[in-house]
């Protein structure tokens, strides 16, 4: 027959192919299973060393951390410099009598650390301590 003859014509398929969706979901599941244990750990900060002994603590102190890339954390919460001042200024007068401890990666520029120390002081804290690693004894 000619071109206008009876060909084997198919209609549109109205079904959704879920195989690619299942493949993507399984890959995402594997990625989350691998990365989830890494997310429960603390912040990685490379601390400078010192020969001073560690201080004894009875309560959980206020700790400000500066990560290698300049991110500031109040406890384990990421904050900006302005929000850090605001959060620290909002603490009670009794809490401002307690010391604030600053953990800064040794790769953070000195000026940035000093600016953060000034923000802590301007929030009303008079006692500011630096957290460092003890120096290893060489034999």
N, C-alpha and C. Protein backbone atom coordinates (compact mmCIF):
# COMPACT_ATOMS: atom_id res chain seq x y z
N UNK A 1 0.83 -1.17 0.00
CA UNK A 1 0.00 0.00 0.00
C UNK A 1 0.88 1.24 0.00
N UNK A 2 0.31 2.36 -0.26
CA UNK A 2 1.04 3.61 -0.38
C UNK A 2 1.33 4.24 0.96
N UNK A 3 1.82 5.46 0.93
CA UNK A 3 2.17 6.15 2.16
C UNK A 3 0.98 6.40 3.05
N UNK A 4 -0.20 6.46 2.52
CA UNK A 4 -1.36 6.71 3.37
C UNK A 4 -2.01 5.42 3.82
N UNK A 5 -1.25 4.32 3.75
CA UNK A 5 -1.78 3.02 4.12
C UNK A 5 -1.89 2.84 5.62
N UNK A 6 -2.32 1.70 6.05
CA UNK A 6 -2.53 1.39 7.46
C UNK A 6 -1.20 0.99 8.10
N UNK A 7 -0.55 1.92 8.77
CA UNK A 7 0.72 1.63 9.44
C UNK A 7 0.46 1.20 10.87
N UNK A 8 1.51 0.65 11.49
CA UNK A 8 1.43 0.26 12.89
C UNK A 8 1.63 1.52 13.74
N UNK A 9 0.57 2.19 14.02
CA UNK A 9 0.64 3.46 14.76
C UNK A 9 0.42 3.20 16.25
N UNK A 10 1.23 3.91 17.04
CA UNK A 10 1.08 3.81 18.49
C UNK A 10 0.56 5.13 19.02
N UNK A 11 -0.23 5.04 20.06
CA UNK A 11 -0.72 6.25 20.71
C UNK A 11 0.29 6.75 21.73
N UNK A 12 -0.02 7.84 22.38
CA UNK A 12 0.86 8.37 23.42
C UNK A 12 0.83 7.47 24.64
N UNK A 13 2.00 7.34 25.28
CA UNK A 13 2.09 6.55 26.50
C UNK A 13 1.79 7.50 27.66
N UNK A 14 0.80 7.17 28.45
CA UNK A 14 0.38 8.04 29.54
C UNK A 14 0.95 7.59 30.88
N UNK A 15 1.97 6.79 30.90
CA UNK A 15 2.57 6.31 32.14
C UNK A 15 3.86 7.08 32.43
N UNK A 16 4.16 7.26 33.70
CA UNK A 16 5.39 7.93 34.11
C UNK A 16 6.45 6.86 34.35
N UNK A 17 7.62 7.07 33.78
CA UNK A 17 8.73 6.14 33.99
C UNK A 17 9.41 6.52 35.31
N UNK A 18 9.26 5.70 36.34
CA UNK A 18 9.79 6.02 37.66
C UNK A 18 11.20 5.45 37.89
N UNK A 19 11.71 4.73 36.93
CA UNK A 19 13.05 4.13 37.10
C UNK A 19 14.12 5.20 37.33
N UNK A 20 14.20 6.28 36.53
CA UNK A 20 15.22 7.30 36.83
C UNK A 20 15.01 7.96 38.19
N UNK A 21 13.76 8.14 38.60
CA UNK A 21 13.47 8.72 39.91
C UNK A 21 13.99 7.83 41.03
N UNK A 22 13.77 6.53 40.90
CA UNK A 22 14.24 5.59 41.91
C UNK A 22 15.77 5.58 41.95
N UNK A 23 16.41 5.66 40.78
CA UNK A 23 17.87 5.69 40.74
C UNK A 23 18.42 6.92 41.46
N UNK A 24 17.84 8.07 41.19
CA UNK A 24 18.29 9.30 41.83
C UNK A 24 18.06 9.24 43.33
N UNK A 25 16.94 8.74 43.76
CA UNK A 25 16.64 8.67 45.19
C UNK A 25 17.59 7.72 45.91
N UNK A 26 17.95 6.61 45.28
CA UNK A 26 18.90 5.69 45.91
C UNK A 26 20.29 6.32 46.03
N UNK A 27 20.70 7.07 45.02
CA UNK A 27 22.00 7.76 45.09
C UNK A 27 21.98 8.80 46.21
N UNK A 28 20.89 9.57 46.32
CA UNK A 28 20.79 10.55 47.39
C UNK A 28 20.78 9.90 48.77
N UNK A 29 20.11 8.77 48.88
CA UNK A 29 20.09 8.04 50.15
C UNK A 29 21.50 7.61 50.55
N UNK A 30 22.27 7.11 49.61
CA UNK A 30 23.64 6.68 49.90
C UNK A 30 24.49 7.88 50.30
N UNK A 31 24.33 9.01 49.59
CA UNK A 31 25.11 10.21 49.93
C UNK A 31 24.79 10.67 51.34
N UNK A 32 23.51 10.72 51.70
CA UNK A 32 23.15 11.14 53.05
C UNK A 32 23.62 10.15 54.11
N UNK A 33 23.61 8.87 53.81
CA UNK A 33 24.09 7.88 54.78
C UNK A 33 25.58 8.03 55.01
N UNK A 34 26.33 8.40 53.98
CA UNK A 34 27.77 8.56 54.13
C UNK A 34 28.11 9.87 54.85
N UNK A 35 27.38 10.96 54.53
CA UNK A 35 27.73 12.26 55.10
C UNK A 35 27.11 12.53 56.47
N UNK A 36 26.08 11.81 56.85
CA UNK A 36 25.41 12.07 58.13
C UNK A 36 26.34 11.91 59.34
N UNK A 37 27.18 10.87 59.41
CA UNK A 37 28.08 10.79 60.58
C UNK A 37 29.08 11.94 60.65
N UNK A 38 29.44 12.52 59.52
CA UNK A 38 30.39 13.63 59.53
C UNK A 38 29.76 14.91 60.05
N UNK A 39 28.46 15.05 59.92
CA UNK A 39 27.77 16.27 60.33
C UNK A 39 27.56 16.33 61.83
N UNK A 40 27.69 15.24 62.56
CA UNK A 40 27.46 15.25 64.00
C UNK A 40 28.69 15.65 64.78
N UNK A 41 29.83 15.79 64.14
CA UNK A 41 31.04 16.16 64.83
C UNK A 41 31.10 17.67 65.00
N UNK A 42 32.00 18.15 65.87
CA UNK A 42 32.12 19.57 66.14
C UNK A 42 32.86 20.30 65.04
N UNK A 43 33.16 21.55 65.31
CA UNK A 43 33.85 22.38 64.35
C UNK A 43 35.33 22.05 64.35
N UNK A 44 35.92 22.03 63.19
CA UNK A 44 37.35 21.75 63.06
C UNK A 44 38.10 23.07 63.10
N UNK A 45 38.83 23.30 64.20
CA UNK A 45 39.61 24.52 64.36
C UNK A 45 41.02 24.10 64.74
N UNK A 46 42.00 24.58 64.00
CA UNK A 46 43.40 24.28 64.26
C UNK A 46 43.93 25.32 65.25
N UNK A 47 44.00 24.94 66.54
CA UNK A 47 44.34 25.88 67.60
C UNK A 47 45.85 26.07 67.73
N UNK A 48 46.28 27.28 68.11
CA UNK A 48 47.69 27.48 68.41
C UNK A 48 48.05 26.79 69.73
N UNK A 49 49.33 26.57 69.98
CA UNK A 49 49.77 25.84 71.17
C UNK A 49 50.32 26.83 72.21
N UNK A 50 50.30 26.41 73.49
CA UNK A 50 50.83 27.21 74.58
C UNK A 50 51.31 26.28 75.68
N UNK A 51 52.06 26.81 76.63
CA UNK A 51 52.57 26.00 77.73
C UNK A 51 51.74 26.15 79.00
N UNK A 52 50.72 27.01 78.98
CA UNK A 52 49.87 27.23 80.16
C UNK A 52 48.98 26.01 80.42
N UNK A 53 48.63 25.81 81.70
CA UNK A 53 47.76 24.70 82.07
C UNK A 53 46.30 25.06 81.81
N UNK A 54 45.46 24.04 81.64
CA UNK A 54 44.03 24.25 81.39
C UNK A 54 43.35 24.74 82.66
N UNK A 55 42.31 25.58 82.49
CA UNK A 55 41.54 26.08 83.63
C UNK A 55 40.43 25.11 83.97
N UNK A 56 40.09 25.03 85.26
CA UNK A 56 38.99 24.16 85.70
C UNK A 56 37.68 24.91 85.55
N UNK A 57 36.65 24.21 85.08
CA UNK A 57 35.36 24.83 84.84
C UNK A 57 34.27 24.06 85.57
N UNK A 58 33.32 24.80 86.17
CA UNK A 58 32.17 24.19 86.83
C UNK A 58 30.92 24.27 85.96
N UNK A 59 30.80 25.34 85.19
CA UNK A 59 29.65 25.53 84.32
C UNK A 59 30.11 25.56 82.87
N UNK A 60 29.13 25.46 81.97
CA UNK A 60 29.44 25.53 80.54
C UNK A 60 29.72 26.99 80.18
N UNK A 61 30.94 27.33 79.76
CA UNK A 61 31.27 28.73 79.48
C UNK A 61 30.74 29.17 78.11
N UNK A 62 30.74 30.48 77.90
CA UNK A 62 30.40 31.03 76.59
C UNK A 62 31.65 30.92 75.73
N UNK A 63 31.53 30.24 74.58
CA UNK A 63 32.68 30.04 73.70
C UNK A 63 32.36 30.64 72.33
N UNK A 64 33.27 31.49 71.87
CA UNK A 64 33.18 32.07 70.52
C UNK A 64 34.29 31.43 69.70
N UNK A 65 33.94 30.84 68.56
CA UNK A 65 34.92 30.19 67.70
C UNK A 65 35.02 30.92 66.37
N UNK A 66 36.24 31.04 65.88
CA UNK A 66 36.47 31.61 64.55
C UNK A 66 37.10 30.52 63.70
N UNK A 67 36.39 30.11 62.67
CA UNK A 67 36.85 29.04 61.78
C UNK A 67 37.92 29.58 60.84
N UNK A 68 38.62 28.68 60.21
CA UNK A 68 39.72 29.02 59.30
C UNK A 68 39.30 30.00 58.20
N UNK A 69 38.08 29.86 57.71
CA UNK A 69 37.62 30.72 56.61
C UNK A 69 36.93 32.00 57.11
N UNK A 70 37.02 32.30 58.41
CA UNK A 70 36.49 33.54 58.94
C UNK A 70 35.07 33.47 59.47
N UNK A 71 34.46 32.30 59.47
CA UNK A 71 33.11 32.16 60.00
C UNK A 71 33.17 32.20 61.52
N UNK A 72 32.21 32.92 62.12
CA UNK A 72 32.17 33.08 63.58
C UNK A 72 31.03 32.23 64.11
N UNK A 73 31.30 31.50 65.20
CA UNK A 73 30.30 30.65 65.85
C UNK A 73 30.18 31.05 67.31
N UNK A 74 28.95 31.20 67.79
CA UNK A 74 28.67 31.41 69.21
C UNK A 74 28.17 30.07 69.71
N UNK A 75 29.00 29.35 70.44
CA UNK A 75 28.70 27.96 70.77
C UNK A 75 28.84 27.15 69.49
N UNK A 76 27.75 26.56 69.03
CA UNK A 76 27.77 25.82 67.78
C UNK A 76 26.89 26.46 66.71
N UNK A 77 26.48 27.72 66.97
CA UNK A 77 25.60 28.43 66.06
C UNK A 77 26.41 29.46 65.28
N UNK A 78 26.30 29.41 63.95
CA UNK A 78 27.02 30.35 63.10
C UNK A 78 26.34 31.70 63.16
N UNK A 79 27.14 32.76 63.42
CA UNK A 79 26.62 34.12 63.51
C UNK A 79 27.53 35.06 62.74
N UNK A 80 26.99 36.23 62.41
CA UNK A 80 27.81 37.28 61.82
C UNK A 80 28.40 38.11 62.96
N UNK A 81 29.31 39.03 62.63
CA UNK A 81 29.94 39.85 63.66
C UNK A 81 28.90 40.73 64.36
N UNK A 82 27.98 41.29 63.60
CA UNK A 82 26.94 42.13 64.20
C UNK A 82 26.01 41.33 65.09
N UNK A 83 25.63 40.14 64.64
CA UNK A 83 24.76 39.30 65.44
C UNK A 83 25.47 38.80 66.69
N UNK A 84 26.77 38.57 66.61
CA UNK A 84 27.55 38.16 67.79
C UNK A 84 27.47 39.24 68.86
N UNK A 85 27.71 40.50 68.47
CA UNK A 85 27.61 41.61 69.44
C UNK A 85 26.22 41.68 70.05
N UNK A 86 25.20 41.52 69.20
CA UNK A 86 23.82 41.61 69.67
C UNK A 86 23.49 40.48 70.64
N UNK A 87 23.90 39.25 70.32
CA UNK A 87 23.62 38.10 71.19
C UNK A 87 24.35 38.23 72.53
N UNK A 88 25.61 38.64 72.48
CA UNK A 88 26.38 38.78 73.72
C UNK A 88 25.85 39.94 74.56
N UNK A 89 25.44 41.04 73.93
CA UNK A 89 24.91 42.18 74.68
C UNK A 89 23.58 41.84 75.33
N UNK A 90 22.85 40.89 74.78
CA UNK A 90 21.56 40.50 75.33
C UNK A 90 21.64 39.56 76.52
N UNK A 91 22.82 39.11 76.88
CA UNK A 91 22.96 38.23 78.04
C UNK A 91 22.81 39.03 79.33
N UNK A 92 22.50 38.33 80.40
CA UNK A 92 22.27 38.99 81.69
C UNK A 92 23.58 39.52 82.28
N UNK A 93 23.44 40.40 83.27
CA UNK A 93 24.62 40.98 83.92
C UNK A 93 25.43 39.90 84.64
N UNK A 94 24.76 38.89 85.19
CA UNK A 94 25.48 37.80 85.86
C UNK A 94 26.33 37.01 84.86
N UNK A 95 25.78 36.78 83.68
CA UNK A 95 26.53 36.04 82.66
C UNK A 95 27.70 36.87 82.15
N UNK A 96 27.57 38.19 82.18
CA UNK A 96 28.67 39.05 81.70
C UNK A 96 29.81 39.10 82.70
N UNK A 97 29.57 38.65 83.93
CA UNK A 97 30.65 38.56 84.92
C UNK A 97 31.52 37.33 84.66
N UNK A 98 30.97 36.34 83.99
CA UNK A 98 31.71 35.12 83.66
C UNK A 98 32.61 35.39 82.46
N UNK A 99 33.70 34.64 82.32
CA UNK A 99 34.59 34.87 81.17
C UNK A 99 34.01 34.31 79.87
N UNK A 100 34.41 34.91 78.78
CA UNK A 100 34.10 34.42 77.43
C UNK A 100 35.39 33.83 76.89
N UNK A 101 35.31 32.66 76.28
CA UNK A 101 36.50 32.01 75.73
C UNK A 101 36.46 32.10 74.21
N UNK A 102 37.58 32.49 73.63
CA UNK A 102 37.70 32.67 72.19
C UNK A 102 38.60 31.59 71.63
N UNK A 103 38.06 30.81 70.68
CA UNK A 103 38.83 29.79 69.96
C UNK A 103 39.00 30.31 68.54
N UNK A 104 40.23 30.55 68.13
CA UNK A 104 40.47 31.05 66.79
C UNK A 104 41.50 30.14 66.11
N UNK A 105 41.20 29.76 64.89
CA UNK A 105 42.14 28.97 64.10
C UNK A 105 43.41 29.79 63.91
N UNK A 106 44.56 29.13 63.92
CA UNK A 106 45.81 29.88 63.82
C UNK A 106 46.03 30.48 62.43
N UNK A 107 45.21 30.09 61.46
CA UNK A 107 45.33 30.66 60.11
C UNK A 107 44.46 31.90 59.92
N UNK A 108 43.66 32.25 60.94
CA UNK A 108 42.82 33.45 60.85
C UNK A 108 43.72 34.67 61.04
N UNK A 109 43.54 35.71 60.21
CA UNK A 109 44.37 36.91 60.36
C UNK A 109 44.23 37.54 61.75
N UNK A 110 45.33 38.04 62.25
CA UNK A 110 45.39 38.63 63.59
C UNK A 110 44.38 39.76 63.75
N UNK A 111 44.25 40.60 62.74
CA UNK A 111 43.33 41.73 62.81
C UNK A 111 41.89 41.30 62.98
N UNK A 112 41.50 40.20 62.35
CA UNK A 112 40.14 39.69 62.48
C UNK A 112 39.87 39.18 63.89
N UNK A 113 40.87 38.52 64.48
CA UNK A 113 40.74 38.03 65.86
C UNK A 113 40.62 39.21 66.82
N UNK A 114 41.44 40.23 66.63
CA UNK A 114 41.41 41.40 67.51
C UNK A 114 40.07 42.13 67.37
N UNK A 115 39.54 42.22 66.15
CA UNK A 115 38.24 42.86 65.94
C UNK A 115 37.14 42.09 66.66
N UNK A 116 37.21 40.76 66.63
CA UNK A 116 36.23 39.94 67.34
C UNK A 116 36.38 40.12 68.85
N UNK A 117 37.61 40.22 69.34
CA UNK A 117 37.83 40.48 70.76
C UNK A 117 37.25 41.83 71.16
N UNK A 118 37.38 42.83 70.30
CA UNK A 118 36.82 44.15 70.58
C UNK A 118 35.29 44.08 70.61
N UNK A 119 34.69 43.28 69.72
CA UNK A 119 33.23 43.11 69.74
C UNK A 119 32.77 42.49 71.05
N UNK A 120 33.52 41.51 71.55
CA UNK A 120 33.17 40.85 72.81
C UNK A 120 33.27 41.84 73.97
N UNK A 121 34.33 42.63 73.96
CA UNK A 121 34.50 43.63 75.03
C UNK A 121 33.41 44.70 74.95
N UNK A 122 33.05 45.11 73.74
CA UNK A 122 32.02 46.16 73.61
C UNK A 122 30.64 45.64 74.01
N UNK A 123 30.45 44.31 74.03
CA UNK A 123 29.18 43.74 74.46
C UNK A 123 29.05 43.74 75.98
N UNK A 124 30.13 44.11 76.70
CA UNK A 124 30.04 44.23 78.15
C UNK A 124 30.81 43.17 78.93
N UNK A 125 31.55 42.32 78.25
CA UNK A 125 32.35 41.31 78.94
C UNK A 125 33.73 41.87 79.25
N UNK A 126 34.17 41.67 80.49
CA UNK A 126 35.48 42.15 80.90
C UNK A 126 36.51 41.03 80.92
N UNK A 127 36.06 39.80 81.13
CA UNK A 127 36.96 38.65 81.19
C UNK A 127 36.91 37.91 79.86
N UNK A 128 38.05 37.87 79.18
CA UNK A 128 38.15 37.22 77.89
C UNK A 128 39.35 36.29 77.89
N UNK A 129 39.13 35.02 77.63
CA UNK A 129 40.21 34.03 77.60
C UNK A 129 40.38 33.46 76.21
N UNK A 130 41.58 32.99 75.93
CA UNK A 130 41.88 32.36 74.64
C UNK A 130 42.06 30.86 74.86
N UNK A 131 41.44 30.06 74.01
CA UNK A 131 41.60 28.60 74.08
C UNK A 131 42.72 28.21 73.14
N UNK A 132 43.70 27.48 73.67
CA UNK A 132 44.85 27.03 72.87
C UNK A 132 45.11 25.57 73.17
N UNK A 133 45.97 24.97 72.38
CA UNK A 133 46.42 23.61 72.62
C UNK A 133 47.70 23.65 73.43
N UNK A 134 47.90 22.68 74.33
CA UNK A 134 49.17 22.66 75.07
C UNK A 134 50.32 22.30 74.13
N UNK A 135 51.48 22.91 74.37
CA UNK A 135 52.65 22.63 73.53
C UNK A 135 53.15 21.23 73.83
N UNK A 136 53.52 20.53 72.78
CA UNK A 136 54.07 19.18 72.98
C UNK A 136 55.51 19.28 73.43
N UNK A 137 55.87 18.47 74.42
CA UNK A 137 57.23 18.49 74.93
C UNK A 137 58.13 17.70 73.99
N UNK A 138 59.24 18.32 73.61
CA UNK A 138 60.20 17.68 72.71
C UNK A 138 61.28 17.00 73.56
N UNK A 139 61.68 15.81 73.16
CA UNK A 139 62.73 15.10 73.90
C UNK A 139 64.02 15.17 73.16
